[in-house]
Amino acid sequence: MAEIVITIGATAQTVAVPKIANIPWAFSENNETAVGTVNTTLKNIYNGCGLEWIDEGKVIAVWSQISKKTDANGLPTDEEMLSLGKKLGVDYVSAGKCDWKVKSIVQLSGLKTKADAVISLKIVNVKKALVEYEKKQVKADSQAKTNDLALAASLVVFLPSAYVSGGPKTPPMQKAGSVAVARALDDFYKAHTPAAEGQKPGRKIGVDKSGK
């Protein structure tokens, strides 16, 4: 775990920075620019939560040695995410997927391209062997507003400053994907800021619903 030194008065204190490993997401479209925007937004929000994003190459190297089972939502299983976290020595492991739908719509100003993004994700707390956070089927479109989000004031940092076209459908995909990520992680962000009041307990890994 990385450490930072904080000076309070004349006293220097070393504070450990928790690390998060992100398993590469599954995307319904191989649009390199839009995928990059989603990943950048994800990384920026985790960093904003005080988490250190570890190198993707290191994650992939270890993940490639683990069998690729999926749960009912098409995400890596809790157990395999926990296994990855232990092997990497990190505090959290995240996984997710993003499905896009793109269509043309007729407006008074002419034909426009609109994109919808649907995201599912989960975050495992490695030390507690707990699925600490989970969201399913979080939706956003390329015309979505963000002023209702807790992290709205910080979106100028978290979201890309501009959406660069790689074709007519790319900017709408970037916008929809990045806003969907922000919506999906809004509650996690609220629970990991200095003023956080905590969040509901997660799901213990390896324990059935009866608690056994």
N, C-alpha and C. Protein backbone atom coordinates (compact mmCIF):
# COMPACT_ATOMS: atom_id res chain seq x y z
N MET A 1 0.83 -1.18 0.00
CA MET A 1 0.00 0.00 0.00
C MET A 1 0.87 1.24 0.00
N ALA A 2 0.58 2.22 -0.86
CA ALA A 2 1.35 3.45 -0.90
C ALA A 2 1.09 4.25 0.36
N GLU A 3 2.03 5.15 0.68
CA GLU A 3 1.89 5.95 1.88
C GLU A 3 2.12 7.41 1.54
N ILE A 4 1.42 8.30 2.24
CA ILE A 4 1.66 9.73 2.12
C ILE A 4 1.93 10.26 3.50
N VAL A 5 2.69 11.35 3.56
CA VAL A 5 3.02 11.96 4.84
C VAL A 5 2.22 13.24 4.99
N ILE A 6 1.45 13.34 6.07
CA ILE A 6 0.64 14.51 6.36
C ILE A 6 1.21 15.18 7.60
N THR A 7 1.46 16.47 7.51
CA THR A 7 2.00 17.22 8.64
C THR A 7 0.88 17.96 9.35
N ILE A 8 0.66 17.67 10.62
CA ILE A 8 -0.34 18.34 11.45
C ILE A 8 0.42 19.07 12.55
N GLY A 9 0.47 20.41 12.44
CA GLY A 9 1.28 21.17 13.38
C GLY A 9 2.73 20.80 13.17
N ALA A 10 3.39 20.37 14.22
CA ALA A 10 4.80 19.99 14.10
C ALA A 10 4.97 18.48 13.96
N THR A 11 3.83 17.76 13.86
CA THR A 11 3.89 16.30 13.82
C THR A 11 3.61 15.77 12.42
N ALA A 12 4.47 14.92 11.92
CA ALA A 12 4.28 14.30 10.61
C ALA A 12 3.70 12.90 10.82
N GLN A 13 2.62 12.62 10.13
CA GLN A 13 1.97 11.32 10.24
C GLN A 13 1.96 10.63 8.88
N THR A 14 2.28 9.34 8.87
CA THR A 14 2.25 8.56 7.64
C THR A 14 0.89 7.89 7.51
N VAL A 15 0.24 8.15 6.39
CA VAL A 15 -1.10 7.60 6.16
C VAL A 15 -1.05 6.67 4.94
N ALA A 16 -1.52 5.46 5.11
CA ALA A 16 -1.54 4.49 4.00
C ALA A 16 -2.65 4.85 3.02
N VAL A 17 -2.35 4.77 1.75
CA VAL A 17 -3.33 5.05 0.69
C VAL A 17 -3.85 3.71 0.17
N PRO A 18 -5.14 3.43 0.31
CA PRO A 18 -5.68 2.16 -0.17
C PRO A 18 -5.59 2.05 -1.69
N LYS A 19 -5.36 0.83 -2.15
CA LYS A 19 -5.21 0.58 -3.59
C LYS A 19 -6.43 -0.15 -4.14
N ILE A 20 -6.73 0.13 -5.40
CA ILE A 20 -7.83 -0.56 -6.08
C ILE A 20 -7.32 -1.13 -7.40
N ALA A 21 -7.65 -2.38 -7.65
CA ALA A 21 -7.34 -3.04 -8.92
C ALA A 21 -8.63 -3.14 -9.73
N ASN A 22 -8.60 -2.66 -10.94
CA ASN A 22 -9.78 -2.72 -11.80
C ASN A 22 -9.58 -3.78 -12.87
N ILE A 23 -10.44 -4.81 -12.84
CA ILE A 23 -10.42 -5.83 -13.89
C ILE A 23 -10.95 -5.18 -15.16
N PRO A 24 -10.25 -5.29 -16.29
CA PRO A 24 -10.72 -4.68 -17.53
C PRO A 24 -12.18 -5.01 -17.81
N TRP A 25 -12.95 -3.99 -18.10
CA TRP A 25 -14.38 -4.15 -18.30
C TRP A 25 -14.71 -4.82 -19.62
N ALA A 26 -15.94 -5.33 -19.70
CA ALA A 26 -16.48 -5.85 -20.95
C ALA A 26 -17.32 -4.74 -21.59
N PHE A 27 -17.09 -4.47 -22.86
CA PHE A 27 -17.81 -3.43 -23.58
C PHE A 27 -18.52 -4.04 -24.79
N SER A 28 -19.73 -3.56 -25.03
CA SER A 28 -20.51 -4.11 -26.14
C SER A 28 -20.00 -3.65 -27.49
N GLU A 29 -19.25 -2.54 -27.50
CA GLU A 29 -18.68 -2.04 -28.75
C GLU A 29 -17.20 -1.74 -28.55
N ASN A 30 -16.41 -2.09 -29.54
CA ASN A 30 -14.97 -1.88 -29.46
C ASN A 30 -14.61 -0.52 -30.06
N ASN A 31 -15.18 0.53 -29.46
CA ASN A 31 -14.87 1.89 -29.87
C ASN A 31 -13.77 2.40 -28.95
N GLU A 32 -12.56 2.45 -29.46
CA GLU A 32 -11.39 2.72 -28.62
C GLU A 32 -11.51 4.05 -27.88
N THR A 33 -12.03 5.07 -28.55
CA THR A 33 -12.13 6.39 -27.92
C THR A 33 -13.15 6.38 -26.79
N ALA A 34 -14.32 5.81 -27.04
CA ALA A 34 -15.37 5.77 -26.02
C ALA A 34 -14.97 4.89 -24.84
N VAL A 35 -14.33 3.76 -25.12
CA VAL A 35 -13.86 2.87 -24.06
C VAL A 35 -12.82 3.61 -23.20
N GLY A 36 -11.93 4.33 -23.86
CA GLY A 36 -10.92 5.09 -23.13
C GLY A 36 -11.53 6.15 -22.23
N THR A 37 -12.61 6.78 -22.70
CA THR A 37 -13.29 7.79 -21.89
C THR A 37 -13.91 7.18 -20.65
N VAL A 38 -14.55 6.03 -20.80
CA VAL A 38 -15.15 5.35 -19.64
C VAL A 38 -14.07 4.97 -18.64
N ASN A 39 -12.97 4.42 -19.12
CA ASN A 39 -11.89 4.03 -18.21
C ASN A 39 -11.27 5.23 -17.50
N THR A 40 -11.11 6.34 -18.22
CA THR A 40 -10.57 7.54 -17.60
C THR A 40 -11.50 8.08 -16.52
N THR A 41 -12.80 8.09 -16.80
CA THR A 41 -13.78 8.55 -15.83
C THR A 41 -13.74 7.67 -14.58
N LEU A 42 -13.68 6.36 -14.80
CA LEU A 42 -13.63 5.40 -13.70
C LEU A 42 -12.41 5.66 -12.83
N LYS A 43 -11.26 5.78 -13.46
CA LYS A 43 -10.02 6.02 -12.72
C LYS A 43 -10.07 7.33 -11.95
N ASN A 44 -10.58 8.38 -12.58
CA ASN A 44 -10.64 9.68 -11.93
C ASN A 44 -11.54 9.67 -10.70
N ILE A 45 -12.67 8.96 -10.80
CA ILE A 45 -13.59 8.91 -9.66
C ILE A 45 -12.98 8.11 -8.51
N TYR A 46 -12.34 6.99 -8.82
CA TYR A 46 -11.68 6.22 -7.77
C TYR A 46 -10.58 7.04 -7.09
N ASN A 47 -9.82 7.76 -7.89
CA ASN A 47 -8.79 8.63 -7.31
C ASN A 47 -9.43 9.71 -6.43
N GLY A 48 -10.59 10.20 -6.87
CA GLY A 48 -11.31 11.19 -6.08
C GLY A 48 -11.83 10.64 -4.77
N CYS A 49 -11.98 9.33 -4.71
CA CYS A 49 -12.39 8.65 -3.47
C CYS A 49 -11.20 8.35 -2.56
N GLY A 50 -10.02 8.77 -2.99
CA GLY A 50 -8.82 8.54 -2.18
C GLY A 50 -8.18 7.19 -2.41
N LEU A 51 -8.49 6.55 -3.55
CA LEU A 51 -7.94 5.24 -3.85
C LEU A 51 -6.86 5.35 -4.92
N GLU A 52 -5.83 4.55 -4.78
CA GLU A 52 -4.75 4.52 -5.77
C GLU A 52 -5.04 3.43 -6.80
N TRP A 53 -5.14 3.83 -8.05
CA TRP A 53 -5.41 2.93 -9.18
C TRP A 53 -4.11 2.24 -9.55
N ILE A 54 -4.06 0.92 -9.47
CA ILE A 54 -2.80 0.23 -9.78
C ILE A 54 -2.73 -0.07 -11.27
N ASP A 55 -1.53 -0.29 -11.73
CA ASP A 55 -1.25 -0.46 -13.15
C ASP A 55 -2.08 -1.59 -13.76
N GLU A 56 -2.72 -1.28 -14.90
CA GLU A 56 -3.59 -2.26 -15.55
C GLU A 56 -2.82 -3.47 -16.03
N GLY A 57 -1.58 -3.25 -16.47
CA GLY A 57 -0.78 -4.36 -16.95
C GLY A 57 -0.53 -5.39 -15.85
N LYS A 58 -0.31 -4.92 -14.65
CA LYS A 58 -0.10 -5.82 -13.52
C LYS A 58 -1.38 -6.60 -13.22
N VAL A 59 -2.51 -5.92 -13.31
CA VAL A 59 -3.80 -6.58 -13.06
C VAL A 59 -4.04 -7.68 -14.09
N ILE A 60 -3.83 -7.34 -15.36
CA ILE A 60 -4.07 -8.31 -16.44
C ILE A 60 -3.15 -9.52 -16.31
N ALA A 61 -1.90 -9.29 -15.93
CA ALA A 61 -0.94 -10.39 -15.79
C ALA A 61 -1.40 -11.41 -14.76
N VAL A 62 -1.92 -10.93 -13.64
CA VAL A 62 -2.39 -11.84 -12.58
C VAL A 62 -3.76 -12.41 -12.93
N TRP A 63 -4.63 -11.58 -13.50
CA TRP A 63 -5.98 -12.01 -13.85
C TRP A 63 -5.95 -13.13 -14.89
N SER A 64 -4.95 -13.10 -15.76
CA SER A 64 -4.86 -14.12 -16.82
C SER A 64 -4.61 -15.51 -16.24
N GLN A 65 -4.18 -15.58 -14.99
CA GLN A 65 -3.90 -16.87 -14.35
C GLN A 65 -5.10 -17.41 -13.57
N ILE A 66 -6.20 -16.64 -13.58
CA ILE A 66 -7.39 -17.03 -12.83
C ILE A 66 -8.48 -17.43 -13.81
N SER A 67 -9.22 -18.49 -13.52
CA SER A 67 -10.29 -18.92 -14.42
C SER A 67 -11.35 -17.84 -14.51
N LYS A 68 -11.96 -17.71 -15.68
CA LYS A 68 -12.87 -16.60 -15.93
C LYS A 68 -14.34 -17.02 -15.81
N LYS A 69 -14.78 -17.25 -14.59
CA LYS A 69 -16.19 -17.53 -14.36
C LYS A 69 -16.94 -16.21 -14.23
N THR A 70 -18.24 -16.24 -14.51
CA THR A 70 -19.04 -15.03 -14.38
C THR A 70 -20.27 -15.29 -13.52
N ASP A 71 -20.80 -14.23 -12.93
CA ASP A 71 -22.01 -14.36 -12.12
C ASP A 71 -23.25 -14.14 -12.99
N ALA A 72 -24.40 -14.04 -12.37
CA ALA A 72 -25.66 -13.91 -13.11
C ALA A 72 -25.74 -12.60 -13.89
N ASN A 73 -24.93 -11.62 -13.53
CA ASN A 73 -24.94 -10.32 -14.20
C ASN A 73 -23.84 -10.20 -15.26
N GLY A 74 -23.13 -11.32 -15.50
CA GLY A 74 -22.08 -11.29 -16.50
C GLY A 74 -20.78 -10.67 -16.02
N LEU A 75 -20.62 -10.52 -14.70
CA LEU A 75 -19.40 -9.97 -14.12
C LEU A 75 -18.57 -11.09 -13.51
N PRO A 76 -17.29 -10.87 -13.28
CA PRO A 76 -16.47 -11.87 -12.59
C PRO A 76 -17.10 -12.25 -11.26
N THR A 77 -16.93 -13.49 -10.84
CA THR A 77 -17.53 -13.92 -9.58
C THR A 77 -16.86 -13.24 -8.39
N ASP A 78 -17.60 -13.18 -7.28
CA ASP A 78 -17.07 -12.59 -6.05
C ASP A 78 -15.77 -13.28 -5.64
N GLU A 79 -15.77 -14.61 -5.70
CA GLU A 79 -14.63 -15.39 -5.24
C GLU A 79 -13.38 -15.11 -6.08
N GLU A 80 -13.56 -14.98 -7.39
CA GLU A 80 -12.40 -14.73 -8.25
C GLU A 80 -11.87 -13.31 -8.10
N MET A 81 -12.77 -12.37 -7.85
CA MET A 81 -12.34 -11.01 -7.57
C MET A 81 -11.55 -10.95 -6.27
N LEU A 82 -12.03 -11.69 -5.27
CA LEU A 82 -11.33 -11.75 -3.99
C LEU A 82 -9.96 -12.39 -4.15
N SER A 83 -9.89 -13.46 -4.93
CA SER A 83 -8.63 -14.14 -5.19
C SER A 83 -7.63 -13.20 -5.86
N LEU A 84 -8.10 -12.45 -6.83
CA LEU A 84 -7.23 -11.49 -7.52
C LEU A 84 -6.69 -10.45 -6.54
N GLY A 85 -7.57 -9.93 -5.70
CA GLY A 85 -7.16 -8.92 -4.74
C GLY A 85 -6.09 -9.41 -3.78
N LYS A 86 -6.24 -10.67 -3.34
CA LYS A 86 -5.25 -11.24 -2.42
C LYS A 86 -3.91 -11.43 -3.12
N LYS A 87 -3.94 -11.88 -4.37
CA LYS A 87 -2.70 -12.10 -5.11
C LYS A 87 -1.96 -10.78 -5.37
N LEU A 88 -2.72 -9.72 -5.60
CA LEU A 88 -2.13 -8.42 -5.89
C LEU A 88 -1.79 -7.62 -4.63
N GLY A 89 -2.37 -8.03 -3.50
CA GLY A 89 -2.14 -7.32 -2.26
C GLY A 89 -2.78 -5.94 -2.22
N VAL A 90 -3.98 -5.83 -2.83
CA VAL A 90 -4.68 -4.55 -2.86
C VAL A 90 -5.83 -4.56 -1.87
N ASP A 91 -6.44 -3.40 -1.69
CA ASP A 91 -7.54 -3.25 -0.73
C ASP A 91 -8.90 -3.48 -1.38
N TYR A 92 -9.02 -3.10 -2.65
CA TYR A 92 -10.29 -3.24 -3.37
C TYR A 92 -10.05 -3.80 -4.77
N VAL A 93 -11.07 -4.49 -5.27
CA VAL A 93 -11.07 -4.94 -6.66
C VAL A 93 -12.41 -4.54 -7.25
N SER A 94 -12.38 -3.96 -8.44
CA SER A 94 -13.63 -3.58 -9.10
C SER A 94 -13.74 -4.28 -10.45
N ALA A 95 -14.97 -4.45 -10.88
CA ALA A 95 -15.25 -5.06 -12.19
C ALA A 95 -16.55 -4.47 -12.70
N GLY A 96 -16.70 -4.46 -14.01
CA GLY A 96 -17.94 -3.92 -14.56
C GLY A 96 -18.08 -4.21 -16.04
N LYS A 97 -19.20 -3.77 -16.57
CA LYS A 97 -19.45 -3.89 -18.00
C LYS A 97 -20.29 -2.72 -18.47
N CYS A 98 -20.16 -2.39 -19.73
CA CYS A 98 -20.88 -1.26 -20.31
C CYS A 98 -21.47 -1.67 -21.65
N ASP A 99 -22.77 -1.54 -21.78
CA ASP A 99 -23.46 -1.84 -23.03
C ASP A 99 -23.98 -0.53 -23.63
N TRP A 100 -23.67 -0.31 -24.88
CA TRP A 100 -24.12 0.89 -25.58
C TRP A 100 -25.18 0.56 -26.63
N LYS A 101 -26.10 1.49 -26.83
CA LYS A 101 -27.02 1.45 -27.95
C LYS A 101 -27.01 2.84 -28.60
N VAL A 102 -26.81 2.87 -29.90
CA VAL A 102 -26.71 4.13 -30.62
C VAL A 102 -27.80 4.20 -31.68
N LYS A 103 -28.46 5.34 -31.78
CA LYS A 103 -29.50 5.50 -32.79
C LYS A 103 -29.56 6.95 -33.26
N SER A 104 -30.16 7.14 -34.42
CA SER A 104 -30.36 8.48 -34.95
C SER A 104 -31.76 8.95 -34.62
N ILE A 105 -31.88 10.21 -34.21
CA ILE A 105 -33.18 10.77 -33.89
C ILE A 105 -33.36 12.07 -34.67
N VAL A 106 -34.60 12.35 -35.01
CA VAL A 106 -34.91 13.55 -35.78
C VAL A 106 -35.31 14.67 -34.82
N GLN A 107 -34.60 15.80 -34.92
CA GLN A 107 -34.92 16.99 -34.14
C GLN A 107 -35.16 18.16 -35.08
N LEU A 108 -35.65 19.26 -34.55
CA LEU A 108 -35.91 20.43 -35.38
C LEU A 108 -34.65 20.92 -36.07
N SER A 109 -33.53 20.72 -35.40
CA SER A 109 -32.26 21.18 -35.97
C SER A 109 -31.66 20.19 -36.97
N GLY A 110 -32.31 19.02 -37.11
CA GLY A 110 -31.83 18.03 -38.05
C GLY A 110 -31.64 16.67 -37.41
N LEU A 111 -30.97 15.79 -38.14
CA LEU A 111 -30.74 14.42 -37.65
C LEU A 111 -29.59 14.42 -36.64
N LYS A 112 -29.84 13.84 -35.47
CA LYS A 112 -28.84 13.78 -34.42
C LYS A 112 -28.58 12.33 -34.02
N THR A 113 -27.38 12.08 -33.51
CA THR A 113 -27.03 10.76 -33.02
C THR A 113 -27.14 10.74 -31.50
N LYS A 114 -27.87 9.77 -30.99
CA LYS A 114 -28.08 9.64 -29.55
C LYS A 114 -27.55 8.28 -29.09
N ALA A 115 -26.88 8.27 -27.96
CA ALA A 115 -26.35 7.02 -27.40
C ALA A 115 -26.91 6.79 -26.01
N ASP A 116 -27.16 5.54 -25.69
CA ASP A 116 -27.55 5.11 -24.35
C ASP A 116 -26.49 4.16 -23.82
N ALA A 117 -26.18 4.28 -22.55
CA ALA A 117 -25.21 3.37 -21.91
C ALA A 117 -25.86 2.73 -20.70
N VAL A 118 -25.63 1.44 -20.52
CA VAL A 118 -26.12 0.71 -19.36
C VAL A 118 -24.92 0.04 -18.70
N ILE A 119 -24.75 0.33 -17.41
CA ILE A 119 -23.56 -0.15 -16.70
C ILE A 119 -23.94 -0.98 -15.48
N SER A 120 -23.22 -2.07 -15.28
CA SER A 120 -23.29 -2.85 -14.05
C SER A 120 -21.87 -2.94 -13.50
N LEU A 121 -21.73 -2.84 -12.18
CA LEU A 121 -20.40 -2.92 -11.59
C LEU A 121 -20.49 -3.42 -10.15
N LYS A 122 -19.37 -3.89 -9.64
CA LYS A 122 -19.29 -4.24 -8.22
C LYS A 122 -17.87 -4.04 -7.74
N ILE A 123 -17.75 -3.82 -6.43
CA ILE A 123 -16.47 -3.57 -5.81
C ILE A 123 -16.32 -4.48 -4.60
N VAL A 124 -15.23 -5.23 -4.56
CA VAL A 124 -14.95 -6.15 -3.46
C VAL A 124 -13.93 -5.52 -2.51
N ASN A 125 -14.26 -5.54 -1.22
CA ASN A 125 -13.32 -5.15 -0.18
C ASN A 125 -12.53 -6.40 0.18
N VAL A 126 -11.25 -6.40 -0.16
CA VAL A 126 -10.44 -7.62 -0.05
C VAL A 126 -10.22 -8.02 1.41
N LYS A 127 -9.85 -7.08 2.26
CA LYS A 127 -9.55 -7.41 3.65
C LYS A 127 -10.77 -7.94 4.39
N LYS A 128 -11.94 -7.42 4.06
CA LYS A 128 -13.16 -7.85 4.73
C LYS A 128 -13.85 -9.01 4.01
N ALA A 129 -13.29 -9.43 2.85
CA ALA A 129 -13.92 -10.48 2.04
C ALA A 129 -15.39 -10.17 1.82
N LEU A 130 -15.64 -8.96 1.32
CA LEU A 130 -16.99 -8.43 1.26
C LEU A 130 -17.24 -7.77 -0.09
N VAL A 131 -18.39 -8.05 -0.68
CA VAL A 131 -18.83 -7.26 -1.83
C VAL A 131 -19.41 -5.97 -1.25
N GLU A 132 -18.56 -4.96 -1.19
CA GLU A 132 -18.92 -3.73 -0.49
C GLU A 132 -19.92 -2.88 -1.27
N TYR A 133 -19.87 -2.99 -2.59
CA TYR A 133 -20.70 -2.09 -3.40
C TYR A 133 -21.09 -2.80 -4.69
N GLU A 134 -22.32 -2.59 -5.10
CA GLU A 134 -22.81 -3.26 -6.31
C GLU A 134 -23.95 -2.45 -6.92
N LYS A 135 -23.90 -2.24 -8.21
CA LYS A 135 -24.97 -1.56 -8.94
C LYS A 135 -25.26 -2.35 -10.21
N LYS A 136 -26.55 -2.45 -10.53
CA LYS A 136 -26.95 -3.20 -11.72
C LYS A 136 -27.78 -2.32 -12.65
N GLN A 137 -27.46 -2.41 -13.93
CA GLN A 137 -28.26 -1.78 -14.98
C GLN A 137 -28.49 -0.28 -14.73
N VAL A 138 -27.41 0.44 -14.48
CA VAL A 138 -27.49 1.88 -14.31
C VAL A 138 -27.45 2.52 -15.70
N LYS A 139 -28.43 3.36 -15.99
CA LYS A 139 -28.58 3.89 -17.34
C LYS A 139 -28.29 5.39 -17.42
N ALA A 140 -27.78 5.80 -18.55
CA ALA A 140 -27.61 7.22 -18.86
C ALA A 140 -27.59 7.36 -20.37
N ASP A 141 -28.02 8.51 -20.88
CA ASP A 141 -27.93 8.75 -22.31
C ASP A 141 -27.06 9.98 -22.57
N SER A 142 -26.81 10.24 -23.82
CA SER A 142 -25.89 11.31 -24.19
C SER A 142 -26.48 12.70 -23.95
N GLN A 143 -27.74 12.77 -23.55
CA GLN A 143 -28.36 14.05 -23.22
C GLN A 143 -28.61 14.17 -21.71
N ALA A 144 -28.02 13.27 -20.93
CA ALA A 144 -28.28 13.20 -19.50
C ALA A 144 -27.73 14.41 -18.75
N LYS A 145 -28.43 14.79 -17.69
CA LYS A 145 -27.97 15.84 -16.78
C LYS A 145 -27.23 15.19 -15.61
N THR A 146 -26.37 15.96 -14.97
CA THR A 146 -25.58 15.41 -13.87
C THR A 146 -25.68 16.22 -12.59
N ASN A 147 -26.51 17.27 -12.57
CA ASN A 147 -26.54 18.15 -11.39
C ASN A 147 -27.21 17.53 -10.18
N ASP A 148 -27.80 16.32 -10.33
CA ASP A 148 -28.42 15.65 -9.19
C ASP A 148 -27.44 14.73 -8.46
N LEU A 149 -26.22 14.60 -8.96
CA LEU A 149 -25.26 13.68 -8.38
C LEU A 149 -24.48 14.34 -7.25
N ALA A 150 -24.11 13.54 -6.25
CA ALA A 150 -23.31 14.04 -5.14
C ALA A 150 -21.95 14.51 -5.63
N LEU A 151 -21.42 13.84 -6.65
CA LEU A 151 -20.12 14.22 -7.16
C LEU A 151 -20.22 15.22 -8.30
N ALA A 152 -21.40 15.84 -8.50
CA ALA A 152 -21.60 16.77 -9.61
C ALA A 152 -20.61 17.92 -9.58
N ALA A 153 -20.32 18.42 -8.37
CA ALA A 153 -19.41 19.56 -8.25
C ALA A 153 -17.99 19.20 -8.70
N SER A 154 -17.67 17.92 -8.69
CA SER A 154 -16.33 17.48 -9.06
C SER A 154 -16.26 16.90 -10.46
N LEU A 155 -17.37 16.90 -11.17
CA LEU A 155 -17.37 16.27 -12.49
C LEU A 155 -16.48 17.01 -13.48
N VAL A 156 -16.22 18.27 -13.21
CA VAL A 156 -15.30 19.00 -14.07
C VAL A 156 -13.92 18.35 -14.04
N VAL A 157 -13.61 17.66 -12.93
CA VAL A 157 -12.34 16.94 -12.80
C VAL A 157 -12.50 15.50 -13.28
N PHE A 158 -13.62 14.86 -12.91
CA PHE A 158 -13.80 13.44 -13.17
C PHE A 158 -14.10 13.13 -14.64
N LEU A 159 -14.91 13.97 -15.27
CA LEU A 159 -15.29 13.71 -16.65
C LEU A 159 -14.32 14.41 -17.60
N PRO A 160 -14.14 13.86 -18.78
CA PRO A 160 -13.26 14.51 -19.77
C PRO A 160 -13.76 15.92 -20.08
N SER A 161 -12.83 16.84 -20.36
CA SER A 161 -13.21 18.22 -20.64
C SER A 161 -13.86 18.36 -22.01
N ALA A 162 -13.61 17.41 -22.89
CA ALA A 162 -14.20 17.45 -24.23
C ALA A 162 -14.34 16.03 -24.75
N TYR A 163 -15.32 15.84 -25.60
CA TYR A 163 -15.54 14.54 -26.22
C TYR A 163 -15.09 14.65 -27.67
N VAL A 164 -14.02 13.94 -27.99
CA VAL A 164 -13.40 14.06 -29.31
C VAL A 164 -13.98 13.02 -30.24
N SER A 165 -14.40 13.46 -31.40
CA SER A 165 -15.08 12.57 -32.32
C SER A 165 -14.12 11.61 -33.00
N GLY A 166 -14.51 10.34 -32.99
CA GLY A 166 -13.83 9.33 -33.80
C GLY A 166 -14.82 8.85 -34.84
N GLY A 167 -15.79 9.69 -35.15
CA GLY A 167 -16.92 9.36 -36.01
C GLY A 167 -18.17 9.94 -35.37
N PRO A 168 -19.27 10.02 -36.08
CA PRO A 168 -20.46 10.70 -35.56
C PRO A 168 -21.05 10.09 -34.29
N LYS A 169 -20.83 8.81 -34.05
CA LYS A 169 -21.44 8.19 -32.87
C LYS A 169 -20.52 8.22 -31.65
N THR A 170 -19.25 8.57 -31.84
CA THR A 170 -18.30 8.49 -30.73
C THR A 170 -18.57 9.49 -29.61
N PRO A 171 -18.73 10.79 -29.87
CA PRO A 171 -18.99 11.72 -28.76
C PRO A 171 -20.24 11.37 -27.94
N PRO A 172 -21.37 10.99 -28.56
CA PRO A 172 -22.51 10.57 -27.73
C PRO A 172 -22.22 9.34 -26.88
N MET A 173 -21.44 8.38 -27.41
CA MET A 173 -21.07 7.21 -26.63
C MET A 173 -20.18 7.59 -25.45
N GLN A 174 -19.25 8.51 -25.68
CA GLN A 174 -18.39 8.99 -24.60
C GLN A 174 -19.21 9.63 -23.49
N LYS A 175 -20.13 10.51 -23.88
CA LYS A 175 -20.94 11.22 -22.89
C LYS A 175 -21.81 10.25 -22.11
N ALA A 176 -22.53 9.37 -22.81
CA ALA A 176 -23.43 8.43 -22.14
C ALA A 176 -22.65 7.50 -21.21
N GLY A 177 -21.51 6.99 -21.68
CA GLY A 177 -20.72 6.07 -20.87
C GLY A 177 -20.16 6.72 -19.63
N SER A 178 -19.60 7.91 -19.76
CA SER A 178 -18.99 8.57 -18.61
C SER A 178 -20.03 8.99 -17.58
N VAL A 179 -21.19 9.46 -18.03
CA VAL A 179 -22.23 9.86 -17.08
C VAL A 179 -22.82 8.62 -16.39
N ALA A 180 -22.96 7.51 -17.12
CA ALA A 180 -23.45 6.27 -16.50
C ALA A 180 -22.49 5.80 -15.40
N VAL A 181 -21.18 5.90 -15.65
CA VAL A 181 -20.20 5.55 -14.63
C VAL A 181 -20.37 6.43 -13.40
N ALA A 182 -20.53 7.73 -13.63
CA ALA A 182 -20.70 8.66 -12.51
C ALA A 182 -21.96 8.34 -11.72
N ARG A 183 -23.03 8.01 -12.42
CA ARG A 183 -24.28 7.64 -11.72
C ARG A 183 -24.09 6.36 -10.92
N ALA A 184 -23.43 5.38 -11.51
CA ALA A 184 -23.24 4.09 -10.84
C ALA A 184 -22.37 4.22 -9.60
N LEU A 185 -21.41 5.14 -9.60
CA LEU A 185 -20.47 5.26 -8.48
C LEU A 185 -20.82 6.40 -7.52
N ASP A 186 -21.93 7.05 -7.73
CA ASP A 186 -22.27 8.21 -6.90
C ASP A 186 -22.37 7.85 -5.42
N ASP A 187 -23.04 6.75 -5.09
CA ASP A 187 -23.18 6.35 -3.69
C ASP A 187 -21.85 5.91 -3.10
N PHE A 188 -21.02 5.26 -3.91
CA PHE A 188 -19.70 4.86 -3.44
C PHE A 188 -18.86 6.10 -3.13
N TYR A 189 -18.96 7.09 -3.99
CA TYR A 189 -18.24 8.35 -3.79
C TYR A 189 -18.69 9.02 -2.48
N LYS A 190 -19.99 9.05 -2.26
CA LYS A 190 -20.52 9.67 -1.04
C LYS A 190 -19.99 8.97 0.21
N ALA A 191 -19.79 7.65 0.13
CA ALA A 191 -19.33 6.88 1.28
C ALA A 191 -17.82 6.95 1.48
N HIS A 192 -17.09 7.50 0.51
CA HIS A 192 -15.63 7.54 0.61
C HIS A 192 -15.08 8.96 0.50
N THR A 193 -15.85 9.93 0.97
CA THR A 193 -15.39 11.30 1.06
C THR A 193 -15.25 11.66 2.53
N PRO A 194 -14.51 12.72 2.87
CA PRO A 194 -14.30 13.05 4.29
C PRO A 194 -15.57 13.21 5.10
N ALA A 195 -16.66 13.66 4.45
CA ALA A 195 -17.91 13.89 5.18
C ALA A 195 -18.83 12.67 5.15
N ALA A 196 -18.29 11.54 4.66
CA ALA A 196 -19.13 10.35 4.50
C ALA A 196 -19.71 9.87 5.82
N GLU A 197 -20.96 9.43 5.75
CA GLU A 197 -21.63 8.89 6.93
C GLU A 197 -21.64 7.37 6.91
N GLY A 198 -20.89 6.79 5.98
CA GLY A 198 -20.87 5.33 5.87
C GLY A 198 -21.94 4.83 4.91
N GLN A 199 -22.00 3.54 4.71
CA GLN A 199 -22.97 2.95 3.81
C GLN A 199 -23.43 1.61 4.38
N LYS A 200 -24.45 1.07 3.76
CA LYS A 200 -25.00 -0.19 4.24
C LYS A 200 -23.97 -1.31 4.09
N PRO A 201 -23.99 -2.30 5.00
CA PRO A 201 -23.06 -3.42 4.89
C PRO A 201 -23.22 -4.13 3.55
N GLY A 202 -22.12 -4.66 3.04
CA GLY A 202 -22.18 -5.36 1.78
C GLY A 202 -22.52 -6.82 1.95
N ARG A 203 -22.17 -7.62 0.92
CA ARG A 203 -22.49 -9.05 0.93
C ARG A 203 -21.20 -9.83 1.21
N LYS A 204 -21.21 -10.61 2.28
CA LYS A 204 -20.03 -11.38 2.67
C LYS A 204 -19.77 -12.47 1.63
N ILE A 205 -18.53 -12.58 1.18
CA ILE A 205 -18.17 -13.57 0.18
C ILE A 205 -18.00 -14.93 0.83
N GLY A 206 -18.59 -15.96 0.21
CA GLY A 206 -18.51 -17.31 0.73
C GLY A 206 -19.53 -17.63 1.79
N VAL A 207 -20.50 -16.71 1.99
CA VAL A 207 -21.56 -16.94 2.96
C VAL A 207 -22.90 -16.88 2.24
N ASP A 208 -23.76 -17.88 2.46
CA ASP A 208 -25.06 -17.88 1.78
C ASP A 208 -26.02 -16.93 2.48
N LYS A 209 -27.22 -16.80 1.94
CA LYS A 209 -28.18 -15.83 2.45
C LYS A 209 -28.62 -16.10 3.87
N SER A 210 -28.46 -17.33 4.34
CA SER A 210 -28.86 -17.67 5.70
C SER A 210 -27.78 -17.26 6.72
N GLY A 211 -26.60 -16.81 6.16
CA GLY A 211 -25.51 -16.39 7.04
C GLY A 211 -24.55 -17.50 7.37
N LYS A 212 -24.72 -18.67 6.75
CA LYS A 212 -23.83 -19.81 7.03
C LYS A 212 -22.62 -19.80 6.11
